[in-house]
Amino acid sequence: MAAPLIGHDLAPLDGALIDRRGRRVRDLRISVTDRCNFRCVYCMPKSVFDHEYNFLPRANLLSFEEIFRVAHIFVDHGVEKIRITGGEPLLRRHIENLIEKLAKLPVELTLTTNGSLLAKKARALKDAGLTRVTVSLDGIDDAVFKRMNDVDYPVGDVLDGIEAAAAAGLAPIKVNCVVKRGSNDDQILPLARHFRNSGHILRFIEFMDVGSSNGWRMDEVLPSADVIARIHEEFPLEAIDANYHGEVAERWRYKDGAGEIGVISSVTQAFCSTCTRIRLSTEGQLYTCLFAQGGHDLRGALRRGAGDEQLRRVIAAVWRERDDRYSEIRTAATALPDAPGKIEMSYIGG
């Protein structure tokens, strides 16, 4: 349940936003819709998100004006990067209008998409001020990809979207593959072969226990070390430095100069100690961890007429009390049916 902070005796806002473990806020992820046209098994499985599932009514979603107001405050206090997520963010009507608003802020502005609508929208997104895109792609083989998205969507259309984004200048494009042992780990090398020398950055993400619906099991996690070993055997790799402190992806490059890949190892190599992310959910809750069980209500404050100074103090209080380290303390118990429920990824993005 959301924690109601409005009305609390909030300390004055002064100094940098540093949490209880010494981490500053740097990255804001904003989910603009809980809807998606895919039913990926690790995020929105059909067994839960079927035709009877009750998605949020439009009135519950933050308006673009409300989103911009919150984003502006975060940028004033150290956020350097904003990522638009979902659900599938390109399903949100007139998303280009939000991009145009946020592009006025002095930040890197990115968007994560499943790529299904990217061929149609890439140019408009770039013209509105988007910096670049990340595309989810869980297989290069059409049959495997269709099995992963579970709506029979062809991989060729996503590849067309990637090329449209590149042509529009939304580069470098990052291509993310969630690896689930026994489901799509046979796609690691085919994806590496496809994206070598493309200029795009391919990244592999360990299957994570996000939310309470994806049936996560530890034995379906393929460690990132195994991913690197498989690729290195065919295409020798060497490690390279992070772009910035707190970057979640471990970076590698091909020794022959054919490009870069990355791995994100939230299960086997927890990076909680350097996490600088905060998430604004579709319905206006602040979440300080991807694996959170509850959020902090900003929508209520916004719609009750809270002034900017009050919002600043709420945001500061949330971050300064942050002590999350879920990945460091994860155990096999997180996979049990009676484990405490976590917010679904479709509400806060990946």
Protein backbone atom coordinates (compact mmCIF):
# COMPACT_ATOMS: atom_id res chain seq x y z
CA MET A 1 0.00 0.00 0.00
CA ALA A 2 1.20 3.51 -0.77
CA ALA A 3 2.72 5.43 2.11
CA PRO A 4 0.91 8.76 2.57
CA LEU A 5 3.61 11.35 3.14
CA ILE A 6 1.60 14.52 2.73
CA GLY A 7 0.82 15.92 6.15
CA HIS A 8 3.92 14.45 7.80
CA ASP A 9 6.34 16.75 9.58
CA LEU A 10 8.83 16.92 6.73
CA ALA A 11 12.28 18.33 7.29
CA PRO A 12 13.36 21.36 5.23
CA LEU A 13 14.86 20.53 1.87
CA ASP A 14 18.53 21.40 1.89
CA GLY A 15 21.61 19.81 0.38
CA ALA A 16 21.87 16.92 -2.05
CA LEU A 17 19.40 14.02 -2.13
CA ILE A 18 21.43 11.21 -0.59
CA ASP A 19 19.82 8.03 0.76
CA ARG A 20 20.68 6.12 3.94
CA ARG A 21 23.35 4.11 2.13
CA GLY A 22 25.08 7.13 0.62
CA ARG A 23 23.52 6.82 -2.86
CA ARG A 24 22.40 9.95 -4.68
CA VAL A 25 19.43 10.14 -7.01
CA ARG A 26 20.52 10.24 -10.66
CA ASP A 27 18.00 8.30 -12.76
CA LEU A 28 14.22 8.77 -12.93
CA ARG A 29 12.12 6.11 -14.67
CA ILE A 30 8.59 7.12 -15.58
CA SER A 31 5.94 4.54 -16.52
CA VAL A 32 3.27 6.14 -18.69
CA THR A 33 0.92 3.16 -19.14
CA ASP A 34 0.28 -0.23 -17.58
CA ARG A 35 -0.90 -1.63 -20.91
CA CYS A 36 1.16 -3.63 -23.37
CA ASN A 37 0.41 -5.42 -26.64
CA PHE A 38 2.85 -8.24 -25.77
CA ARG A 39 2.40 -10.93 -23.14
CA CYS A 40 6.01 -11.77 -22.39
CA VAL A 41 6.26 -14.67 -19.98
CA TYR A 42 8.63 -12.87 -17.59
CA CYS A 43 6.55 -9.69 -17.34
CA MET A 44 2.84 -9.93 -18.29
CA PRO A 45 1.99 -13.63 -18.69
CA LYS A 46 -1.39 -14.44 -20.23
CA SER A 47 -2.30 -16.51 -17.20
CA VAL A 48 -2.65 -13.25 -15.26
CA PHE A 49 -2.99 -10.50 -17.85
CA ASP A 50 -5.84 -12.02 -19.84
CA HIS A 51 -8.80 -10.40 -21.60
CA GLU A 52 -10.56 -9.96 -18.25
CA TYR A 53 -7.67 -8.18 -16.55
CA ASN A 54 -8.61 -4.74 -15.23
CA PHE A 55 -6.09 -2.22 -16.43
CA LEU A 56 -6.02 1.23 -14.88
CA PRO A 57 -8.75 3.64 -16.03
CA ARG A 58 -7.43 6.68 -17.86
CA ALA A 59 -8.34 9.01 -14.96
CA ASN A 60 -5.91 7.13 -12.69
CA LEU A 61 -2.92 7.80 -14.95
CA LEU A 62 -0.79 10.84 -14.34
CA SER A 63 -1.36 13.54 -16.93
CA PHE A 64 1.57 14.80 -18.99
CA GLU A 65 1.47 18.04 -17.02
CA GLU A 66 1.68 16.15 -13.72
CA ILE A 67 4.55 14.02 -15.00
CA PHE A 68 6.47 17.08 -16.17
CA ARG A 69 5.99 18.81 -12.84
CA VAL A 70 7.43 15.88 -10.91
CA ALA A 71 10.27 15.42 -13.42
CA HIS A 72 11.21 19.09 -13.19
CA ILE A 73 11.57 18.82 -9.41
CA PHE A 74 13.74 15.71 -9.71
CA VAL A 75 15.99 17.39 -12.25
CA ASP A 76 16.40 20.35 -9.90
CA HIS A 77 17.78 17.92 -7.35
CA GLY A 78 20.27 15.89 -9.29
CA VAL A 79 18.49 13.69 -11.82
CA GLU A 80 20.55 13.55 -15.02
CA LYS A 81 18.64 10.90 -16.94
CA ILE A 82 14.93 10.25 -17.53
CA ARG A 83 13.66 7.04 -19.09
CA ILE A 84 10.08 6.63 -20.33
CA THR A 85 8.74 3.12 -19.77
CA GLY A 86 5.49 1.16 -19.39
CA GLY A 87 3.89 -1.26 -20.11
CA GLU A 88 4.54 -0.34 -23.70
CA PRO A 89 4.99 3.45 -23.66
CA LEU A 90 4.23 3.92 -27.35
CA LEU A 91 0.65 2.81 -26.62
CA ARG A 92 0.10 6.02 -24.62
CA ARG A 93 -1.76 8.46 -26.86
CA HIS A 94 0.22 11.49 -27.99
CA ILE A 95 3.36 10.31 -26.22
CA GLU A 96 5.31 12.70 -28.44
CA ASN A 97 3.73 15.61 -26.55
CA LEU A 98 5.21 14.36 -23.28
CA ILE A 99 8.59 13.87 -24.92
CA GLU A 100 8.47 17.45 -26.17
CA LYS A 101 7.81 18.72 -22.64
CA LEU A 102 10.52 16.63 -21.00
CA ALA A 103 13.04 17.49 -23.72
CA LYS A 104 13.12 21.03 -22.33
CA LEU A 105 14.86 19.72 -19.22
CA PRO A 106 18.68 19.44 -19.14
CA VAL A 107 18.76 15.62 -19.06
CA GLU A 108 19.41 12.60 -21.22
CA LEU A 109 15.92 11.53 -22.33
CA THR A 110 15.43 7.90 -23.35
CA LEU A 111 12.59 5.45 -23.89
CA THR A 112 12.30 1.66 -23.62
CA THR A 113 9.94 -0.07 -26.04
CA ASN A 114 9.12 -3.53 -27.37
CA GLY A 115 9.63 -2.06 -30.84
CA SER A 116 6.24 -3.01 -32.25
CA LEU A 117 5.27 0.61 -33.01
CA LEU A 118 8.74 2.02 -33.43
CA ALA A 119 8.87 1.99 -37.23
CA LYS A 120 5.82 4.29 -37.28
CA LYS A 121 6.86 6.57 -34.44
CA ALA A 122 10.67 6.82 -34.53
CA ARG A 123 10.84 10.04 -36.56
CA ALA A 124 8.18 11.80 -34.48
CA LEU A 125 9.93 10.78 -31.26
CA LYS A 126 13.25 12.14 -32.50
CA ASP A 127 11.63 15.37 -33.69
CA ALA A 128 10.01 15.79 -30.27
CA GLY A 129 13.43 15.66 -28.62
CA LEU A 130 14.00 12.04 -27.58
CA THR A 131 17.70 11.25 -27.21
CA ARG A 132 17.68 7.51 -27.90
CA VAL A 133 15.73 4.26 -27.48
CA THR A 134 16.22 0.87 -25.92
CA VAL A 135 14.41 -2.01 -27.61
CA SER A 136 13.48 -5.28 -25.92
CA LEU A 137 14.24 -8.28 -28.14
CA ASP A 138 14.24 -11.75 -26.59
CA GLY A 139 15.24 -13.70 -29.66
CA ILE A 140 16.31 -13.30 -33.26
CA ASP A 141 14.67 -16.54 -34.43
CA ASP A 142 11.07 -15.81 -35.33
CA ALA A 143 9.61 -18.89 -33.65
CA VAL A 144 11.49 -18.24 -30.41
CA PHE A 145 10.58 -14.57 -30.43
CA LYS A 146 6.90 -15.32 -30.99
CA ARG A 147 6.97 -17.81 -28.14
CA MET A 148 8.51 -15.23 -25.83
CA ASN A 149 6.10 -12.40 -26.69
CA ASP A 150 3.18 -14.88 -26.73
CA VAL A 151 1.07 -12.85 -29.17
CA ASP A 152 2.57 -14.21 -32.40
CA TYR A 153 4.33 -10.94 -33.18
CA PRO A 154 7.05 -11.35 -35.86
CA VAL A 155 10.65 -10.49 -35.11
CA GLY A 156 11.06 -8.83 -38.51
CA ASP A 157 8.75 -5.98 -37.53
CA VAL A 158 10.84 -5.21 -34.45
CA LEU A 159 14.02 -5.29 -36.53
CA ASP A 160 12.37 -2.81 -38.90
CA GLY A 161 11.65 -0.60 -35.91
CA ILE A 162 15.28 -0.72 -34.81
CA GLU A 163 16.44 0.33 -38.25
CA ALA A 164 13.86 3.12 -38.38
CA ALA A 165 15.09 4.39 -35.04
CA ALA A 166 18.69 4.30 -36.24
CA ALA A 167 17.74 6.19 -39.41
CA ALA A 168 15.96 8.81 -37.31
CA GLY A 169 19.08 9.36 -35.21
CA LEU A 170 17.94 7.70 -31.96
CA ALA A 171 21.33 6.17 -31.41
CA PRO A 172 23.22 4.38 -30.11
CA ILE A 173 20.33 1.93 -29.82
CA LYS A 174 20.48 -0.55 -26.96
CA VAL A 175 18.89 -3.94 -27.57
CA ASN A 176 17.90 -5.81 -24.40
CA CYS A 177 17.35 -9.56 -24.17
CA VAL A 178 16.00 -11.12 -20.98
CA VAL A 179 17.55 -14.58 -20.82
CA LYS A 180 15.47 -17.40 -19.38
CA ARG A 181 17.28 -20.73 -19.18
CA GLY A 182 15.54 -23.35 -21.30
CA SER A 183 13.34 -20.80 -23.07
CA ASN A 184 15.56 -18.51 -25.12
CA ASP A 185 19.17 -19.02 -24.02
CA ASP A 186 19.79 -20.63 -27.42
CA GLN A 187 19.41 -17.11 -28.86
CA ILE A 188 22.52 -15.67 -27.20
CA LEU A 189 24.95 -16.43 -29.99
CA PRO A 190 22.49 -15.76 -32.86
CA LEU A 191 21.77 -12.32 -31.37
CA ALA A 192 25.49 -11.65 -30.94
CA ARG A 193 26.13 -12.60 -34.55
CA HIS A 194 23.28 -10.42 -35.80
CA PHE A 195 24.25 -7.26 -33.94
CA ARG A 196 28.03 -7.43 -34.34
CA ASN A 197 29.21 -4.53 -36.47
CA SER A 198 25.73 -2.97 -36.37
CA GLY A 199 26.61 -0.03 -34.14
CA HIS A 200 23.89 -1.12 -31.70
CA ILE A 201 24.68 -2.26 -28.14
CA LEU A 202 23.31 -5.70 -27.30
CA ARG A 203 22.67 -6.42 -23.62
CA PHE A 204 21.63 -9.59 -21.83
CA ILE A 205 19.57 -9.39 -18.63
CA GLU A 206 19.26 -12.15 -16.07
CA PHE A 207 15.69 -13.38 -15.55
CA MET A 208 14.57 -11.54 -12.40
CA ASP A 209 11.89 -12.05 -9.77
CA VAL A 210 10.07 -8.81 -10.52
CA GLY A 211 6.47 -8.66 -9.37
CA SER A 212 4.46 -11.70 -8.30
CA SER A 213 3.16 -13.04 -11.62
CA ASN A 214 6.09 -14.27 -13.67
CA GLY A 215 6.65 -17.63 -11.97
CA TRP A 216 10.31 -16.86 -11.26
CA ARG A 217 12.58 -19.75 -10.32
CA MET A 218 16.27 -19.60 -9.58
CA ASP A 219 16.98 -22.63 -11.78
CA GLU A 220 15.73 -20.65 -14.80
CA VAL A 221 18.32 -17.94 -14.23
CA LEU A 222 21.29 -18.17 -16.59
CA PRO A 223 24.16 -16.30 -14.90
CA SER A 224 25.65 -13.46 -16.91
CA ALA A 225 29.05 -15.12 -16.55
CA ASP A 226 27.74 -18.01 -18.63
CA VAL A 227 26.45 -15.58 -21.28
CA ILE A 228 29.86 -13.94 -21.55
CA ALA A 229 31.59 -17.33 -21.70
CA ARG A 230 29.40 -18.51 -24.57
CA ILE A 231 30.03 -15.40 -26.63
CA HIS A 232 33.73 -15.23 -25.74
CA GLU A 233 34.27 -18.75 -27.05
CA GLU A 234 33.23 -17.67 -30.56
CA PHE A 235 34.03 -13.95 -30.42
CA PRO A 236 36.77 -13.05 -27.92
CA LEU A 237 35.73 -10.28 -25.52
CA GLU A 238 37.47 -7.91 -23.13
CA ALA A 239 35.98 -5.97 -20.23
CA ILE A 240 35.70 -2.17 -20.46
CA ASP A 241 35.01 0.49 -17.85
CA ALA A 242 31.55 1.70 -16.90
CA ASN A 243 30.33 4.93 -18.47
CA TYR A 244 29.52 6.34 -15.01
CA HIS A 245 29.39 5.35 -11.36
CA GLY A 246 26.30 3.27 -10.72
CA GLU A 247 25.83 2.00 -14.28
CA VAL A 248 24.00 -1.32 -13.95
CA ALA A 249 25.33 -2.97 -17.10
CA GLU A 250 28.75 -4.60 -17.05
CA ARG A 251 30.37 -3.63 -20.37
CA TRP A 252 32.39 -5.81 -22.74
CA ARG A 253 33.72 -5.24 -26.25
CA TYR A 254 34.75 -7.54 -29.05
CA LYS A 255 38.53 -7.70 -29.34
CA ASP A 256 38.25 -7.41 -33.10
CA GLY A 257 36.50 -4.05 -32.80
CA ALA A 258 33.06 -5.31 -33.88
CA GLY A 259 31.21 -3.46 -31.14
CA GLU A 260 30.06 -3.66 -27.54
CA ILE A 261 27.79 -5.89 -25.48
CA GLY A 262 26.61 -5.69 -21.89
CA VAL A 263 25.20 -7.90 -19.15
CA ILE A 264 22.87 -6.93 -16.30
CA SER A 265 23.26 -9.31 -13.35
CA SER A 266 20.73 -8.33 -10.72
CA VAL A 267 20.45 -11.92 -9.46
CA THR A 268 24.04 -13.19 -9.41
CA GLN A 269 25.96 -9.92 -8.94
CA ALA A 270 23.80 -7.49 -7.00
CA PHE A 271 24.53 -3.81 -7.67
CA CYS A 272 22.32 -2.35 -4.92
CA SER A 273 25.23 -0.48 -3.35
CA THR A 274 25.50 1.86 -6.34
CA CYS A 275 21.84 2.03 -7.44
CA THR A 276 20.77 5.61 -8.22
CA ARG A 277 17.29 4.91 -9.67
CA ILE A 278 13.86 5.96 -8.57
CA ARG A 279 10.63 5.07 -10.36
CA LEU A 280 7.39 6.97 -10.91
CA SER A 281 4.60 4.49 -11.59
CA THR A 282 1.76 4.79 -14.04
CA GLU A 283 -0.65 5.93 -11.34
CA GLY A 284 1.75 8.33 -9.60
CA GLN A 285 3.46 6.23 -6.93
CA LEU A 286 7.16 6.66 -6.19
CA TYR A 287 9.09 3.39 -5.90
CA THR A 288 12.65 3.34 -4.63
CA CYS A 289 13.39 -0.21 -5.82
CA LEU A 290 12.42 -2.38 -8.77
CA PHE A 291 11.46 -5.10 -6.27
CA ALA A 292 9.46 -2.84 -3.94
CA GLN A 293 6.36 -4.03 -2.11
CA GLY A 294 4.90 -0.53 -1.75
CA GLY A 295 5.19 3.01 -3.04
CA HIS A 296 4.69 6.59 -1.93
CA ASP A 297 1.69 8.51 -3.24
CA LEU A 298 2.49 11.61 -5.30
CA ARG A 299 -0.70 11.66 -7.36
CA GLY A 300 -2.76 12.37 -4.28
CA ALA A 301 -0.53 15.28 -3.38
CA LEU A 302 -0.61 16.66 -6.91
CA ARG A 303 -4.38 16.48 -7.12
CA ARG A 304 -4.93 17.98 -3.68
CA GLY A 305 -3.07 21.07 -4.80
CA ALA A 306 0.31 20.60 -3.13
CA GLY A 307 2.77 23.36 -4.00
CA ASP A 308 6.17 22.70 -5.50
CA GLU A 309 7.94 23.21 -2.18
CA GLN A 310 5.75 20.60 -0.50
CA LEU A 311 6.37 18.17 -3.36
CA ARG A 312 10.11 18.79 -3.08
CA ARG A 313 10.03 17.93 0.60
CA VAL A 314 8.02 14.77 -0.01
CA ILE A 315 10.46 13.64 -2.69
CA ALA A 316 13.43 14.45 -0.45
CA ALA A 317 11.89 12.51 2.45
CA VAL A 318 11.30 9.44 0.27
CA TRP A 319 14.85 9.36 -1.08
CA ARG A 320 16.59 10.17 2.19
CA GLU A 321 14.80 7.30 3.95
CA ARG A 322 15.68 4.86 1.16
CA ASP A 323 17.53 1.79 2.37
CA ASP A 324 16.70 -0.76 -0.36
CA ARG A 325 19.06 -3.66 -1.04
CA TYR A 326 16.73 -6.40 -2.22
CA SER A 327 19.14 -8.08 -4.63
CA GLU A 328 21.78 -8.34 -1.91
CA ILE A 329 19.45 -10.21 0.43
CA ARG A 330 17.49 -12.24 -2.14
CA THR A 331 16.92 -15.87 -1.22
CA ALA A 332 15.11 -18.80 -2.79
CA ALA A 333 12.11 -17.81 -0.65
CA THR A 334 11.30 -15.02 -3.08
CA ALA A 335 10.05 -17.66 -5.50
CA LEU A 336 7.55 -19.15 -3.07
CA PRO A 337 3.82 -18.53 -3.63
CA ASP A 338 3.43 -17.04 -0.15
CA ALA A 339 6.37 -14.63 -0.47
CA PRO A 340 5.46 -10.96 0.05
CA GLY A 341 3.97 -9.46 -3.12
CA LYS A 342 5.99 -6.99 -5.17
CA ILE A 343 4.81 -4.34 -7.59
CA GLU A 344 4.41 -5.66 -11.15
CA MET A 345 6.94 -4.54 -13.75
CA SER A 346 4.14 -3.33 -16.02
CA TYR A 347 3.43 -0.53 -13.52
CA ILE A 348 6.98 0.73 -13.05
CA GLY A 349 9.01 -0.47 -16.05
CA GLY A 350 12.17 -2.59 -15.96
